[in-house]
Amino acid sequence: MEGLPNLPPHLQGEFMKQMENMQMKDSLRLYNNLVSKCFTSCVTSFRSKSLDKYETTCVENCAARYIAMTQRVGLRFAEGQALQQKRAAEALGR
């Protein structure tokens, strides 16, 4: 977002709205994927209105693993981006 100050003020607001919209969609996609994956993996019986003890534990563990994996992937992506920016800056400095 280095170039944001170079945009005219009306475009800065529009850009920020687009970014917020994208972040909201990503959050919803993450949540929907988590629910779908964990429900499919853990819920095996529809004989009761509530989850049994195994299903509850499975969903909790699945959600924790999914969130941890997502955070790790995000961290690795950020590290890769930082490395690319560093390389680009070094290439410009030569």
C-alpha atoms as a PDB file:
ATOM      1  CA  MET A   1       0.000   0.000   0.000  1.00  0.00           C
ATOM      2  CA  GLU A   2       2.973   2.223  -0.602  1.00  0.00           C
ATOM      3  CA  GLY A   3       1.243   3.884  -3.558  1.00  0.00           C
ATOM      4  CA  LEU A   4      -1.902   4.791  -1.614  1.00  0.00           C
ATOM      5  CA  PRO A   5      -0.731   8.325  -0.719  1.00  0.00           C
ATOM      6  CA  ASN A   6      -0.137   8.964  -4.432  1.00  0.00           C
ATOM      7  CA  LEU A   7      -3.805   8.358  -5.263  1.00  0.00           C
ATOM      8  CA  PRO A   8      -6.286  11.234  -5.287  1.00  0.00           C
ATOM      9  CA  PRO A   9      -8.387  11.368  -2.089  1.00  0.00           C
ATOM     10  CA  HIS A  10     -11.585  10.141  -3.749  1.00  0.00           C
ATOM     11  CA  LEU A  11      -9.753   7.092  -5.116  1.00  0.00           C
ATOM     12  CA  GLN A  12      -8.106   6.381  -1.756  1.00  0.00           C
ATOM     13  CA  GLY A  13     -11.535   5.989  -0.162  1.00  0.00           C
ATOM     14  CA  GLU A  14     -12.733   3.782  -2.989  1.00  0.00           C
ATOM     15  CA  PHE A  15      -9.584   1.665  -2.761  1.00  0.00           C
ATOM     16  CA  MET A  16      -9.989   1.223   1.005  1.00  0.00           C
ATOM     17  CA  LYS A  17     -13.638   0.180   0.550  1.00  0.00           C
ATOM     18  CA  GLN A  18     -12.550  -2.420  -2.002  1.00  0.00           C
ATOM     19  CA  MET A  19      -9.879  -3.718   0.385  1.00  0.00           C
ATOM     20  CA  GLU A  20     -12.397  -3.988   3.240  1.00  0.00           C
ATOM     21  CA  ASN A  21     -14.799  -5.817   0.936  1.00  0.00           C
ATOM     22  CA  MET A  22     -12.087  -8.257  -0.119  1.00  0.00           C
ATOM     23  CA  GLN A  23     -11.084  -8.873   3.507  1.00  0.00           C
ATOM     24  CA  MET A  24     -14.703  -9.534   4.470  1.00  0.00           C
ATOM     25  CA  LYS A  25     -15.115 -12.001   1.597  1.00  0.00           C
ATOM     26  CA  ASP A  26     -11.880 -13.757   2.592  1.00  0.00           C
ATOM     27  CA  SER A  27     -13.044 -14.012   6.207  1.00  0.00           C
ATOM     28  CA  LEU A  28     -16.396 -15.455   5.149  1.00  0.00           C
ATOM     29  CA  ARG A  29     -14.707 -17.900   2.765  1.00  0.00           C
ATOM     30  CA  LEU A  30     -12.376 -19.045   5.555  1.00  0.00           C
ATOM     31  CA  TYR A  31     -15.295 -19.526   7.955  1.00  0.00           C
ATOM     32  CA  ASN A  32     -17.418 -21.384   5.386  1.00  0.00           C
ATOM     33  CA  ASN A  33     -14.525 -23.673   4.449  1.00  0.00           C
ATOM     34  CA  LEU A  34     -13.818 -24.404   8.112  1.00  0.00           C
ATOM     35  CA  VAL A  35     -17.467 -25.249   8.833  1.00  0.00           C
ATOM     36  CA  SER A  36     -17.786 -27.406   5.732  1.00  0.00           C
ATOM     37  CA  LYS A  37     -14.555 -29.323   6.290  1.00  0.00           C
ATOM     38  CA  CYS A  38     -15.063 -29.924  10.003  1.00  0.00           C
ATOM     39  CA  PHE A  39     -18.758 -30.794   9.688  1.00  0.00           C
ATOM     40  CA  THR A  40     -18.080 -33.274   6.898  1.00  0.00           C
ATOM     41  CA  SER A  41     -15.181 -34.842   8.790  1.00  0.00           C
ATOM     42  CA  CYS A  42     -16.733 -35.001  12.233  1.00  0.00           C
ATOM     43  CA  VAL A  43     -20.519 -35.247  12.127  1.00  0.00           C
ATOM     44  CA  THR A  44     -21.561 -38.785  11.349  1.00  0.00           C
ATOM     45  CA  SER A  45     -24.969 -39.176  12.945  1.00  0.00           C
ATOM     46  CA  PHE A  46     -28.182 -37.222  12.604  1.00  0.00           C
ATOM     47  CA  ARG A  47     -30.134 -39.110  15.268  1.00  0.00           C
ATOM     48  CA  SER A  48     -29.986 -36.237  17.749  1.00  0.00           C
ATOM     49  CA  LYS A  49     -30.440 -32.465  17.744  1.00  0.00           C
ATOM     50  CA  SER A  50     -27.046 -31.995  19.384  1.00  0.00           C
ATOM     51  CA  LEU A  51     -23.568 -33.307  18.751  1.00  0.00           C
ATOM     52  CA  ASP A  52     -22.334 -36.234  20.793  1.00  0.00           C
ATOM     53  CA  LYS A  53     -19.115 -35.993  22.812  1.00  0.00           C
ATOM     54  CA  TYR A  54     -16.918 -37.457  20.043  1.00  0.00           C
ATOM     55  CA  GLU A  55     -18.354 -35.112  17.415  1.00  0.00           C
ATOM     56  CA  THR A  56     -17.933 -32.072  19.670  1.00  0.00           C
ATOM     57  CA  THR A  57     -14.300 -32.923  20.411  1.00  0.00           C
ATOM     58  CA  CYS A  58     -13.635 -33.662  16.753  1.00  0.00           C
ATOM     59  CA  VAL A  59     -15.134 -30.335  15.609  1.00  0.00           C
ATOM     60  CA  GLU A  60     -13.163 -28.402  18.243  1.00  0.00           C
ATOM     61  CA  ASN A  61      -9.884 -30.083  17.255  1.00  0.00           C
ATOM     62  CA  CYS A  62     -10.603 -29.724  13.543  1.00  0.00           C
ATOM     63  CA  ALA A  63     -11.368 -26.011  13.905  1.00  0.00           C
ATOM     64  CA  ALA A  64      -8.222 -25.425  15.980  1.00  0.00           C
ATOM     65  CA  ARG A  65      -6.051 -27.229  13.407  1.00  0.00           C
ATOM     66  CA  TYR A  66      -7.700 -25.407  10.504  1.00  0.00           C
ATOM     67  CA  ILE A  67      -7.170 -21.997  12.094  1.00  0.00           C
ATOM     68  CA  ALA A  68      -3.560 -22.814  13.012  1.00  0.00           C
ATOM     69  CA  MET A  69      -2.884 -23.995   9.450  1.00  0.00           C
ATOM     70  CA  THR A  70      -4.472 -20.872   7.988  1.00  0.00           C
ATOM     71  CA  GLN A  71      -2.385 -18.642  10.244  1.00  0.00           C
ATOM     72  CA  ARG A  72       0.780 -20.524   9.308  1.00  0.00           C
ATOM     73  CA  VAL A  73       0.039 -20.219   5.591  1.00  0.00           C
ATOM     74  CA  GLY A  74      -0.627 -16.496   6.018  1.00  0.00           C
ATOM     75  CA  LEU A  75       2.647 -16.062   7.883  1.00  0.00           C
ATOM     76  CA  ARG A  76       4.586 -17.922   5.197  1.00  0.00           C
ATOM     77  CA  PHE A  77       2.930 -15.827   2.502  1.00  0.00           C
ATOM     78  CA  ALA A  78       3.884 -12.614   4.336  1.00  0.00           C
ATOM     79  CA  GLU A  79       7.464 -13.850   4.686  1.00  0.00           C
ATOM     80  CA  GLY A  80       7.598 -14.594   0.967  1.00  0.00           C
ATOM     81  CA  GLN A  81       6.223 -11.159   0.125  1.00  0.00           C
ATOM     82  CA  ALA A  82       8.783  -9.471   2.388  1.00  0.00           C
ATOM     83  CA  LEU A  83      11.588 -11.450   0.756  1.00  0.00           C
ATOM     84  CA  GLN A  84      10.393 -10.464  -2.724  1.00  0.00           C
ATOM     85  CA  GLN A  85      10.213  -6.809  -1.717  1.00  0.00           C
ATOM     86  CA  LYS A  86      13.708  -6.994  -0.258  1.00  0.00           C
ATOM     87  CA  ARG A  87      15.073  -8.557  -3.440  1.00  0.00           C
ATOM     88  CA  ALA A  88      13.308  -5.945  -5.583  1.00  0.00           C
ATOM     89  CA  ALA A  89      14.769  -3.139  -3.465  1.00  0.00           C
ATOM     90  CA  GLU A  90      18.233  -4.654  -3.712  1.00  0.00           C
ATOM     91  CA  ALA A  91      17.891  -4.970  -7.483  1.00  0.00           C
ATOM     92  CA  LEU A  92      16.921  -1.298  -7.747  1.00  0.00           C
ATOM     93  CA  GLY A  93      19.858  -0.306  -5.524  1.00  0.00           C
ATOM     94  CA  ARG A  94      22.466  -1.904  -7.776  1.00  0.00           C
END
